[in-house]
Amino acid sequence: MFFITFSGVGSDTGSFSKILFIVTSIITSLGAILYTISTLAISFQYYNLVERKEAPGLLQKVENIN
C-alpha cells in the first residue's frame, strides 16, 4: 500500500506491483498474527510462573471466603 501510494502508480499498475502489494499484505497479516500469539504465550507463561511461586490459586481464595 505504501509503495503504491507514494510511487504514484495509477490503476494501470504492472503485474509486479500487484504481486508486491499482495506479498507485503500477506507478510503484514502474518506478522500481526504472530505478534498476537507470542503476546498471549508470554502472558500465559507469566501467570503460570506467578501461580507456581506465590500459589494464589483461585480455589484457595474461594475456600477462604466461606
Protein backbone atom coordinates (compact mmCIF):
# COMPACT_ATOMS: atom_id res chain seq x y z
CA MET A 1 0.00 0.00 0.00
CA PHE A 2 2.81 2.37 0.92
CA PHE A 3 4.62 1.55 -2.32
CA ILE A 4 1.55 2.13 -4.50
CA THR A 5 0.58 5.36 -2.73
CA PHE A 6 3.93 7.10 -2.80
CA SER A 7 5.20 5.87 -6.14
CA GLY A 8 2.33 7.49 -7.98
CA VAL A 9 1.31 4.28 -9.65
CA GLY A 10 -2.21 4.55 -11.03
CA SER A 11 -4.78 1.98 -11.98
CA ASP A 12 -2.58 0.76 -14.83
CA THR A 13 -0.09 -0.84 -12.44
CA GLY A 14 2.05 -3.65 -13.69
CA SER A 15 1.81 -7.20 -12.52
CA PHE A 16 4.98 -6.79 -10.44
CA SER A 17 3.40 -4.01 -8.39
CA LYS A 18 0.27 -6.06 -7.76
CA ILE A 19 2.31 -9.10 -6.74
CA LEU A 20 4.46 -6.93 -4.46
CA PHE A 21 1.33 -5.48 -2.86
CA ILE A 22 -0.15 -8.95 -2.27
CA VAL A 23 3.09 -10.33 -0.80
CA THR A 24 3.57 -7.40 1.57
CA SER A 25 -0.06 -7.63 2.67
CA ILE A 26 0.35 -11.32 3.47
CA ILE A 27 3.59 -10.70 5.37
CA THR A 28 1.97 -7.90 7.36
CA SER A 29 -1.00 -10.09 8.25
CA LEU A 30 1.23 -12.95 9.35
CA GLY A 31 3.31 -10.57 11.44
CA ALA A 32 0.22 -9.31 13.24
CA ILE A 33 -0.97 -12.87 13.91
CA LEU A 34 2.44 -13.97 15.20
CA TYR A 35 2.68 -10.89 17.41
CA THR A 36 -0.70 -11.69 18.96
CA ILE A 37 0.17 -15.35 19.53
CA SER A 38 3.54 -14.52 21.08
CA THR A 39 1.97 -11.93 23.40
CA LEU A 40 -0.63 -14.44 24.58
CA ALA A 41 2.01 -17.11 25.12
CA ILE A 42 4.17 -14.77 27.18
CA SER A 43 1.23 -13.70 29.33
CA PHE A 44 0.19 -17.31 29.97
CA GLN A 45 3.76 -18.17 30.93
CA TYR A 46 3.95 -15.19 33.29
CA TYR A 47 0.77 -16.13 35.14
CA ASN A 48 1.89 -19.76 35.26
CA LEU A 49 5.14 -18.72 36.96
CA VAL A 50 3.27 -16.45 39.40
CA GLU A 51 0.93 -19.31 40.26
CA ARG A 52 3.86 -21.65 40.92
CA LYS A 53 5.83 -19.15 43.00
CA GLU A 54 3.14 -17.40 45.05
CA ALA A 55 0.35 -20.02 44.83
CA PRO A 56 -2.57 -17.59 44.93
CA GLY A 57 -4.89 -20.22 43.46
CA LEU A 58 -8.47 -19.31 42.79
CA LEU A 59 -9.85 -22.33 44.66
CA GLN A 60 -7.87 -21.38 47.75
CA LYS A 61 -9.27 -17.85 47.65
CA VAL A 62 -12.81 -19.20 47.27
CA GLU A 63 -12.31 -21.53 50.27
CA ASN A 64 -11.16 -18.57 52.38
CA ILE A 65 -14.40 -16.71 51.59
CA ASN A 66 -16.62 -19.46 53.08
